[in-house]
Amino acid sequence: MSYSAPRLLGPVAVSFNNWETGAWRSTRPSIEPAECAGCLLCAKYCPPGVVTVAGSGGRYEVGVDLRYCKGCGICARVCPRRCIAMIPER
């Protein structure tokens, strides 16, 4: 008997974009654009589809899609310049 691992078809994270999970959060990230260096560590460590990145040529503008942000604070913890603060949800 042989075992073969299941095949994943396409990016797995795409299937999660159908559910807006932002209603779960009690805090939200607030980004200070003037302090952001565009290192994109927040985009690397946050769940797929939460951190949005626009721009090119070495200058990036980072945003957060609050429809999918759960308020976990990973983005704020990994930011080397501490330009992301977690504020209470209203």
PDB file of N, CA and C in Angstrom:
ATOM      1  N   MET A   1       0.824  -1.169   0.000  1.00  0.00           N
ATOM      2  CA  MET A   1       0.000   0.000   0.000  1.00  0.00           C
ATOM      3  C   MET A   1       0.881   1.250   0.000  1.00  0.00           C
ATOM      4  N   SER A   2       0.612   2.179  -0.879  1.00  0.00           N
ATOM      5  CA  SER A   2       1.398   3.408  -0.920  1.00  0.00           C
ATOM      6  C   SER A   2       0.517   4.601  -0.554  1.00  0.00           C
ATOM      7  N   TYR A   3       1.144   5.572   0.001  1.00  0.00           N
ATOM      8  CA  TYR A   3       0.441   6.780   0.419  1.00  0.00           C
ATOM      9  C   TYR A   3       0.921   7.945  -0.423  1.00  0.00           C
ATOM     10  N   SER A   4      -0.002   8.728  -0.916  1.00  0.00           N
ATOM     11  CA  SER A   4       0.380   9.944  -1.615  1.00  0.00           C
ATOM     12  C   SER A   4      -0.335  11.116  -0.954  1.00  0.00           C
ATOM     13  N   ALA A   5       0.399  12.175  -0.746  1.00  0.00           N
ATOM     14  CA  ALA A   5      -0.159  13.368  -0.104  1.00  0.00           C
ATOM     15  C   ALA A   5      -1.186  14.011  -1.028  1.00  0.00           C
ATOM     16  N   PRO A   6      -2.212  14.642  -0.456  1.00  0.00           N
ATOM     17  CA  PRO A   6      -3.197  15.310  -1.304  1.00  0.00           C
ATOM     18  C   PRO A   6      -2.565  16.475  -2.056  1.00  0.00           C
ATOM     19  N   ARG A   7      -3.020  16.712  -3.252  1.00  0.00           N
ATOM     20  CA  ARG A   7      -2.512  17.815  -4.064  1.00  0.00           C
ATOM     21  C   ARG A   7      -3.304  19.070  -3.767  1.00  0.00           C
ATOM     22  N   LEU A   8      -2.614  20.169  -3.611  1.00  0.00           N
ATOM     23  CA  LEU A   8      -3.270  21.456  -3.433  1.00  0.00           C
ATOM     24  C   LEU A   8      -3.305  22.143  -4.788  1.00  0.00           C
ATOM     25  N   LEU A   9      -4.444  22.579  -5.171  1.00  0.00           N
ATOM     26  CA  LEU A   9      -4.598  23.232  -6.466  1.00  0.00           C
ATOM     27  C   LEU A   9      -4.659  24.735  -6.260  1.00  0.00           C
ATOM     28  N   GLY A  10      -3.609  25.423  -6.644  1.00  0.00           N
ATOM     29  CA  GLY A  10      -3.574  26.866  -6.518  1.00  0.00           C
ATOM     30  C   GLY A  10      -3.237  27.317  -5.114  1.00  0.00           C
ATOM     31  N   PRO A  11      -3.150  28.644  -4.917  1.00  0.00           N
ATOM     32  CA  PRO A  11      -2.843  29.171  -3.587  1.00  0.00           C
ATOM     33  C   PRO A  11      -3.958  28.839  -2.595  1.00  0.00           C
ATOM     34  N   VAL A  12      -3.571  28.297  -1.470  1.00  0.00           N
ATOM     35  CA  VAL A  12      -4.543  27.892  -0.465  1.00  0.00           C
ATOM     36  C   VAL A  12      -5.260  29.100   0.124  1.00  0.00           C
ATOM     37  N   ALA A  13      -4.565  30.212   0.318  1.00  0.00           N
ATOM     38  CA  ALA A  13      -5.150  31.380   0.977  1.00  0.00           C
ATOM     39  C   ALA A  13      -6.293  31.994   0.177  1.00  0.00           C
ATOM     40  N   VAL A  14      -6.341  31.767  -1.102  1.00  0.00           N
ATOM     41  CA  VAL A  14      -7.397  32.352  -1.926  1.00  0.00           C
ATOM     42  C   VAL A  14      -8.772  31.907  -1.455  1.00  0.00           C
ATOM     43  N   SER A  15      -8.889  30.671  -1.003  1.00  0.00           N
ATOM     44  CA  SER A  15     -10.195  30.179  -0.583  1.00  0.00           C
ATOM     45  C   SER A  15     -10.713  30.880   0.661  1.00  0.00           C
ATOM     46  N   PHE A  16      -9.837  31.469   1.476  1.00  0.00           N
ATOM     47  CA  PHE A  16     -10.268  32.140   2.695  1.00  0.00           C
ATOM     48  C   PHE A  16     -10.776  33.553   2.442  1.00  0.00           C
ATOM     49  N   ASN A  17     -10.518  34.117   1.280  1.00  0.00           N
ATOM     50  CA  ASN A  17     -10.960  35.474   0.993  1.00  0.00           C
ATOM     51  C   ASN A  17     -12.464  35.576   0.786  1.00  0.00           C
ATOM     52  N   ASN A  18     -13.163  34.460   0.807  1.00  0.00           N
ATOM     53  CA  ASN A  18     -14.609  34.509   0.647  1.00  0.00           C
ATOM     54  C   ASN A  18     -15.324  34.893   1.930  1.00  0.00           C
ATOM     55  N   TRP A  19     -14.656  34.786   3.065  1.00  0.00           N
ATOM     56  CA  TRP A  19     -15.284  35.076   4.343  1.00  0.00           C
ATOM     57  C   TRP A  19     -14.649  36.301   4.969  1.00  0.00           C
ATOM     58  N   GLU A  20     -15.472  37.300   5.255  1.00  0.00           N
ATOM     59  CA  GLU A  20     -14.981  38.507   5.902  1.00  0.00           C
ATOM     60  C   GLU A  20     -14.920  38.257   7.406  1.00  0.00           C
ATOM     61  N   THR A  21     -13.708  38.135   7.921  1.00  0.00           N
ATOM     62  CA  THR A  21     -13.506  37.743   9.313  1.00  0.00           C
ATOM     63  C   THR A  21     -13.195  38.924  10.219  1.00  0.00           C
ATOM     64  N   GLY A  22     -13.278  40.144   9.710  1.00  0.00           N
ATOM     65  CA  GLY A  22     -12.935  41.324  10.495  1.00  0.00           C
ATOM     66  C   GLY A  22     -13.869  41.599  11.661  1.00  0.00           C
ATOM     67  N   ALA A  23     -15.048  41.020  11.680  1.00  0.00           N
ATOM     68  CA  ALA A  23     -15.994  41.263  12.762  1.00  0.00           C
ATOM     69  C   ALA A  23     -15.532  40.628  14.072  1.00  0.00           C
ATOM     70  N   TRP A  24     -14.519  39.788  14.038  1.00  0.00           N
ATOM     71  CA  TRP A  24     -14.030  39.105  15.226  1.00  0.00           C
ATOM     72  C   TRP A  24     -13.154  39.996  16.098  1.00  0.00           C
ATOM     73  N   ARG A  25     -12.610  41.062  15.554  1.00  0.00           N
ATOM     74  CA  ARG A  25     -11.544  41.783  16.253  1.00  0.00           C
ATOM     75  C   ARG A  25     -12.078  42.750  17.307  1.00  0.00           C
ATOM     76  N   SER A  26     -11.226  42.981  18.315  1.00  0.00           N
ATOM     77  CA  SER A  26     -11.527  43.976  19.337  1.00  0.00           C
ATOM     78  C   SER A  26     -10.550  45.148  19.266  1.00  0.00           C
ATOM     79  N   THR A  27      -9.434  44.967  18.542  1.00  0.00           N
ATOM     80  CA  THR A  27      -8.496  46.058  18.274  1.00  0.00           C
ATOM     81  C   THR A  27      -8.188  46.075  16.787  1.00  0.00           C
ATOM     82  N   ARG A  28      -7.792  47.237  16.300  1.00  0.00           N
ATOM     83  CA  ARG A  28      -7.459  47.381  14.880  1.00  0.00           C
ATOM     84  C   ARG A  28      -6.101  48.056  14.738  1.00  0.00           C
ATOM     85  N   PRO A  29      -5.368  47.740  13.678  1.00  0.00           N
ATOM     86  CA  PRO A  29      -4.077  48.396  13.471  1.00  0.00           C
ATOM     87  C   PRO A  29      -4.257  49.799  12.895  1.00  0.00           C
ATOM     88  N   SER A  30      -3.427  50.702  13.349  1.00  0.00           N
ATOM     89  CA  SER A  30      -3.389  52.064  12.823  1.00  0.00           C
ATOM     90  C   SER A  30      -1.952  52.313  12.382  1.00  0.00           C
ATOM     91  N   ILE A  31      -1.773  52.602  11.099  1.00  0.00           N
ATOM     92  CA  ILE A  31      -0.431  52.767  10.531  1.00  0.00           C
ATOM     93  C   ILE A  31      -0.123  54.248  10.367  1.00  0.00           C
ATOM     94  N   GLU A  32       1.050  54.650  10.820  1.00  0.00           N
ATOM     95  CA  GLU A  32       1.538  56.019  10.641  1.00  0.00           C
ATOM     96  C   GLU A  32       2.381  56.042   9.366  1.00  0.00           C
ATOM     97  N   PRO A  33       1.809  56.506   8.242  1.00  0.00           N
ATOM     98  CA  PRO A  33       2.508  56.416   6.953  1.00  0.00           C
ATOM     99  C   PRO A  33       3.845  57.159   6.912  1.00  0.00           C
ATOM    100  N   ALA A  34       3.966  58.261   7.630  1.00  0.00           N
ATOM    101  CA  ALA A  34       5.212  59.033   7.601  1.00  0.00           C
ATOM    102  C   ALA A  34       6.370  58.258   8.231  1.00  0.00           C
ATOM    103  N   GLU A  35       6.078  57.373   9.156  1.00  0.00           N
ATOM    104  CA  GLU A  35       7.118  56.598   9.833  1.00  0.00           C
ATOM    105  C   GLU A  35       7.449  55.285   9.113  1.00  0.00           C
ATOM    106  N   CYS A  36       6.559  54.820   8.241  1.00  0.00           N
ATOM    107  CA  CYS A  36       6.729  53.526   7.573  1.00  0.00           C
ATOM    108  C   CYS A  36       7.887  53.581   6.578  1.00  0.00           C
ATOM    109  N   ALA A  37       8.794  52.618   6.693  1.00  0.00           N
ATOM    110  CA  ALA A  37       9.950  52.536   5.795  1.00  0.00           C
ATOM    111  C   ALA A  37       9.679  51.647   4.587  1.00  0.00           C
ATOM    112  N   GLY A  38       8.531  50.988   4.562  1.00  0.00           N
ATOM    113  CA  GLY A  38       8.212  50.107   3.438  1.00  0.00           C
ATOM    114  C   GLY A  38       8.978  48.807   3.451  1.00  0.00           C
ATOM    115  N   CYS A  39       9.338  48.304   4.633  1.00  0.00           N
ATOM    116  CA  CYS A  39      10.088  47.043   4.714  1.00  0.00           C
ATOM    117  C   CYS A  39       9.201  45.832   4.409  1.00  0.00           C
ATOM    118  N   LEU A  40       7.900  45.978   4.554  1.00  0.00           N
ATOM    119  CA  LEU A  40       6.891  44.967   4.233  1.00  0.00           C
ATOM    120  C   LEU A  40       6.944  43.725   5.126  1.00  0.00           C
ATOM    121  N   LEU A  41       7.542  43.837   6.300  1.00  0.00           N
ATOM    122  CA  LEU A  41       7.517  42.715   7.235  1.00  0.00           C
ATOM    123  C   LEU A  41       6.086  42.436   7.695  1.00  0.00           C
ATOM    124  N   CYS A  42       5.286  43.481   7.825  1.00  0.00           N
ATOM    125  CA  CYS A  42       3.889  43.283   8.227  1.00  0.00           C
ATOM    126  C   CYS A  42       3.151  42.430   7.200  1.00  0.00           C
ATOM    127  N   ALA A  43       3.396  42.671   5.932  1.00  0.00           N
ATOM    128  CA  ALA A  43       2.754  41.886   4.877  1.00  0.00           C
ATOM    129  C   ALA A  43       3.256  40.450   4.870  1.00  0.00           C
ATOM    130  N   LYS A  44       4.501  40.260   5.256  1.00  0.00           N
ATOM    131  CA  LYS A  44       5.077  38.917   5.264  1.00  0.00           C
ATOM    132  C   LYS A  44       4.488  38.063   6.387  1.00  0.00           C
ATOM    133  N   TYR A  45       4.263  38.655   7.555  1.00  0.00           N
ATOM    134  CA  TYR A  45       3.838  37.884   8.713  1.00  0.00           C
ATOM    135  C   TYR A  45       2.328  37.860   8.944  1.00  0.00           C
ATOM    136  N   CYS A  46       1.597  38.827   8.446  1.00  0.00           N
ATOM    137  CA  CYS A  46       0.143  38.826   8.617  1.00  0.00           C
ATOM    138  C   CYS A  46      -0.482  37.775   7.700  1.00  0.00           C
ATOM    139  N   PRO A  47      -1.667  37.302   8.055  1.00  0.00           N
ATOM    140  CA  PRO A  47      -2.348  36.342   7.181  1.00  0.00           C
ATOM    141  C   PRO A  47      -2.539  36.922   5.775  1.00  0.00           C
ATOM    142  N   PRO A  48      -2.555  36.077   4.763  1.00  0.00           N
ATOM    143  CA  PRO A  48      -2.686  36.550   3.377  1.00  0.00           C
ATOM    144  C   PRO A  48      -3.949  37.373   3.164  1.00  0.00           C
ATOM    145  N   GLY A  49      -3.812  38.453   2.414  1.00  0.00           N
ATOM    146  CA  GLY A  49      -4.952  39.281   2.056  1.00  0.00           C
ATOM    147  C   GLY A  49      -5.286  40.374   3.049  1.00  0.00           C
ATOM    148  N   VAL A  50      -4.592  40.435   4.190  1.00  0.00           N
ATOM    149  CA  VAL A  50      -4.910  41.445   5.197  1.00  0.00           C
ATOM    150  C   VAL A  50      -4.155  42.739   4.921  1.00  0.00           C
ATOM    151  N   VAL A  51      -2.845  42.665   4.779  1.00  0.00           N
ATOM    152  CA  VAL A  51      -2.036  43.854   4.517  1.00  0.00           C
ATOM    153  C   VAL A  51      -2.013  44.107   3.015  1.00  0.00           C
ATOM    154  N   THR A  52      -2.369  45.330   2.644  1.00  0.00           N
ATOM    155  CA  THR A  52      -2.357  45.711   1.232  1.00  0.00           C
ATOM    156  C   THR A  52      -1.132  46.576   0.969  1.00  0.00           C
ATOM    157  N   VAL A  53      -0.518  46.376  -0.180  1.00  0.00           N
ATOM    158  CA  VAL A  53       0.693  47.109  -0.539  1.00  0.00           C
ATOM    159  C   VAL A  53       0.470  47.742  -1.901  1.00  0.00           C
ATOM    160  N   ALA A  54       0.720  49.050  -1.985  1.00  0.00           N
ATOM    161  CA  ALA A  54       0.630  49.766  -3.247  1.00  0.00           C
ATOM    162  C   ALA A  54       1.933  50.528  -3.447  1.00  0.00           C
ATOM    163  N   GLY A  55       2.319  50.705  -4.674  1.00  0.00           N
ATOM    164  CA  GLY A  55       3.527  51.462  -4.967  1.00  0.00           C
ATOM    165  C   GLY A  55       4.567  50.620  -5.660  1.00  0.00           C
ATOM    166  N   SER A  56       5.647  51.275  -6.030  1.00  0.00           N
ATOM    167  CA  SER A  56       6.747  50.588  -6.704  1.00  0.00           C
ATOM    168  C   SER A  56       7.990  51.458  -6.621  1.00  0.00           C
ATOM    169  N   GLY A  57       9.064  50.951  -7.140  1.00  0.00           N
ATOM    170  CA  GLY A  57      10.301  51.717  -7.185  1.00  0.00           C
ATOM    171  C   GLY A  57      10.930  51.959  -5.829  1.00  0.00           C
ATOM    172  N   GLY A  58      10.719  51.042  -4.899  1.00  0.00           N
ATOM    173  CA  GLY A  58      11.330  51.180  -3.587  1.00  0.00           C
ATOM    174  C   GLY A  58      10.490  51.934  -2.574  1.00  0.00           C
ATOM    175  N   ARG A  59       9.389  52.537  -3.002  1.00  0.00           N
ATOM    176  CA  ARG A  59       8.517  53.255  -2.064  1.00  0.00           C
ATOM    177  C   ARG A  59       7.151  52.601  -2.085  1.00  0.00           C
ATOM    178  N   TYR A  60       6.750  52.082  -0.954  1.00  0.00           N
ATOM    179  CA  TYR A  60       5.487  51.360  -0.862  1.00  0.00           C
ATOM    180  C   TYR A  60       4.572  52.002   0.167  1.00  0.00           C
ATOM    181  N   GLU A  61       3.287  51.956  -0.111  1.00  0.00           N
ATOM    182  CA  GLU A  61       2.285  52.432   0.832  1.00  0.00           C
ATOM    183  C   GLU A  61       1.545  51.214   1.359  1.00  0.00           C
ATOM    184  N   VAL A  62       1.581  51.043   2.661  1.00  0.00           N
ATOM    185  CA  VAL A  62       1.001  49.874   3.302  1.00  0.00           C
ATOM    186  C   VAL A  62      -0.350  50.242   3.895  1.00  0.00           C
ATOM    187  N   GLY A  63      -1.322  49.356   3.717  1.00  0.00           N
ATOM    188  CA  GLY A  63      -2.651  49.541   4.292  1.00  0.00           C
ATOM    189  C   GLY A  63      -3.142  48.228   4.864  1.00  0.00           C
ATOM    190  N   VAL A  64      -4.288  48.271   5.504  1.00  0.00           N
ATOM    191  CA  VAL A  64      -4.868  47.080   6.104  1.00  0.00           C
ATOM    192  C   VAL A  64      -6.301  46.947   5.604  1.00  0.00           C
ATOM    193  N   ASP A  65      -6.641  45.777   5.105  1.00  0.00           N
ATOM    194  CA  ASP A  65      -8.011  45.494   4.690  1.00  0.00           C
ATOM    195  C   ASP A  65      -8.770  45.022   5.929  1.00  0.00           C
ATOM    196  N   LEU A  66      -9.548  45.923   6.506  1.00  0.00           N
ATOM    197  CA  LEU A  66     -10.231  45.638   7.771  1.00  0.00           C
ATOM    198  C   LEU A  66     -11.334  44.597   7.638  1.00  0.00           C
ATOM    199  N   ARG A  67     -11.706  44.250   6.423  1.00  0.00           N
ATOM    200  CA  ARG A  67     -12.696  43.176   6.252  1.00  0.00           C
ATOM    201  C   ARG A  67     -12.129  41.833   6.690  1.00  0.00           C
ATOM    202  N   TYR A  68     -10.789  41.687   6.623  1.00  0.00           N
ATOM    203  CA  TYR A  68     -10.158  40.410   6.935  1.00  0.00           C
ATOM    204  C   TYR A  68      -9.251  40.465   8.169  1.00  0.00           C
ATOM    205  N   CYS A  69      -8.951  41.649   8.678  1.00  0.00           N
ATOM    206  CA  CYS A  69      -8.066  41.795   9.834  1.00  0.00           C
ATOM    207  C   CYS A  69      -8.783  41.313  11.095  1.00  0.00           C
ATOM    208  N   LYS A  70      -8.124  40.417  11.826  1.00  0.00           N
ATOM    209  CA  LYS A  70      -8.701  39.869  13.056  1.00  0.00           C
ATOM    210  C   LYS A  70      -8.206  40.591  14.297  1.00  0.00           C
ATOM    211  N   GLY A  71      -7.325  41.564  14.144  1.00  0.00           N
ATOM    212  CA  GLY A  71      -6.827  42.327  15.276  1.00  0.00           C
ATOM    213  C   GLY A  71      -5.820  41.584  16.123  1.00  0.00           C
ATOM    214  N   CYS A  72      -5.098  40.639  15.540  1.00  0.00           N
ATOM    215  CA  CYS A  72      -4.155  39.813  16.313  1.00  0.00           C
ATOM    216  C   CYS A  72      -2.922  40.592  16.754  1.00  0.00           C
ATOM    217  N   GLY A  73      -2.544  41.653  16.028  1.00  0.00           N
ATOM    218  CA  GLY A  73      -1.406  42.476  16.400  1.00  0.00           C
ATOM    219  C   GLY A  73      -0.061  41.978  15.910  1.00  0.00           C
ATOM    220  N   ILE A  74      -0.049  40.960  15.076  1.00  0.00           N
ATOM    221  CA  ILE A  74       1.222  40.455  14.546  1.00  0.00           C
ATOM    222  C   ILE A  74       1.939  41.559  13.775  1.00  0.00           C
ATOM    223  N   CYS A  75       1.210  42.319  12.989  1.00  0.00           N
ATOM    224  CA  CYS A  75       1.826  43.382  12.194  1.00  0.00           C
ATOM    225  C   CYS A  75       2.526  44.399  13.093  1.00  0.00           C
ATOM    226  N   ALA A  76       1.901  44.766  14.204  1.00  0.00           N
ATOM    227  CA  ALA A  76       2.497  45.737  15.127  1.00  0.00           C
ATOM    228  C   ALA A  76       3.724  45.164  15.820  1.00  0.00           C
ATOM    229  N   ARG A  77       3.701  43.881  16.138  1.00  0.00           N
ATOM    230  CA  ARG A  77       4.833  43.264  16.834  1.00  0.00           C
ATOM    231  C   ARG A  77       6.059  43.116  15.939  1.00  0.00           C
ATOM    232  N   VAL A  78       5.873  42.870  14.646  1.00  0.00           N
ATOM    233  CA  VAL A  78       7.023  42.660  13.766  1.00  0.00           C
ATOM    234  C   VAL A  78       7.551  43.947  13.145  1.00  0.00           C
ATOM    235  N   CYS A  79       6.838  45.047  13.288  1.00  0.00           N
ATOM    236  CA  CYS A  79       7.259  46.316  12.677  1.00  0.00           C
ATOM    237  C   CYS A  79       8.506  46.851  13.391  1.00  0.00           C
ATOM    238  N   PRO A  80       9.643  46.947  12.675  1.00  0.00           N
ATOM    239  CA  PRO A  80      10.878  47.401  13.324  1.00  0.00           C
ATOM    240  C   PRO A  80      10.853  48.881  13.691  1.00  0.00           C
ATOM    241  N   ARG A  81      10.041  49.678  13.037  1.00  0.00           N
ATOM    242  CA  ARG A  81       9.986  51.121  13.313  1.00  0.00           C
ATOM    243  C   ARG A  81       8.843  51.492  14.247  1.00  0.00           C
ATOM    244  N   ARG A  82       8.062  50.494  14.640  1.00  0.00           N
ATOM    245  CA  ARG A  82       6.937  50.698  15.568  1.00  0.00           C
ATOM    246  C   ARG A  82       5.948  51.762  15.056  1.00  0.00           C
ATOM    247  N   CYS A  83       5.682  51.717  13.747  1.00  0.00           N
ATOM    248  CA  CYS A  83       4.752  52.686  13.181  1.00  0.00           C
ATOM    249  C   CYS A  83       3.330  52.133  13.096  1.00  0.00           C
ATOM    250  N   ILE A  84       3.118  50.917  13.609  1.00  0.00           N
ATOM    251  CA  ILE A  84       1.784  50.335  13.654  1.00  0.00           C
ATOM    252  C   ILE A  84       1.383  50.212  15.116  1.00  0.00           C
ATOM    253  N   ALA A  85       0.261  50.819  15.449  1.00  0.00           N
ATOM    254  CA  ALA A  85      -0.258  50.746  16.807  1.00  0.00           C
ATOM    255  C   ALA A  85      -1.611  50.045  16.767  1.00  0.00           C
ATOM    256  N   MET A  86      -1.880  49.252  17.792  1.00  0.00           N
ATOM    257  CA  MET A  86      -3.182  48.587  17.898  1.00  0.00           C
ATOM    258  C   MET A  86      -4.076  49.463  18.765  1.00  0.00           C
ATOM    259  N   ILE A  87      -5.200  49.883  18.188  1.00  0.00           N
ATOM    260  CA  ILE A  87      -6.130  50.751  18.913  1.00  0.00           C
ATOM    261  C   ILE A  87      -7.450  49.994  19.126  1.00  0.00           C
ATOM    262  N   PRO A  88      -8.164  50.305  20.192  1.00  0.00           N
ATOM    263  CA  PRO A  88      -9.429  49.616  20.453  1.00  0.00           C
ATOM    264  C   PRO A  88     -10.448  49.868  19.338  1.00  0.00           C
ATOM    265  N   GLU A  89     -11.196  48.834  19.038  1.00  0.00           N
ATOM    266  CA  GLU A  89     -12.263  48.946  18.035  1.00  0.00           C
ATOM    267  C   GLU A  89     -13.403  49.771  18.645  1.00  0.00           C
ATOM    268  N   ARG A  90     -14.004  50.633  17.863  1.00  0.00           N
ATOM    269  CA  ARG A  90     -15.110  51.454  18.363  1.00  0.00           C
ATOM    270  C   ARG A  90     -16.411  50.724  18.258  1.00  0.00           C
TER     271      ARG A  90
END
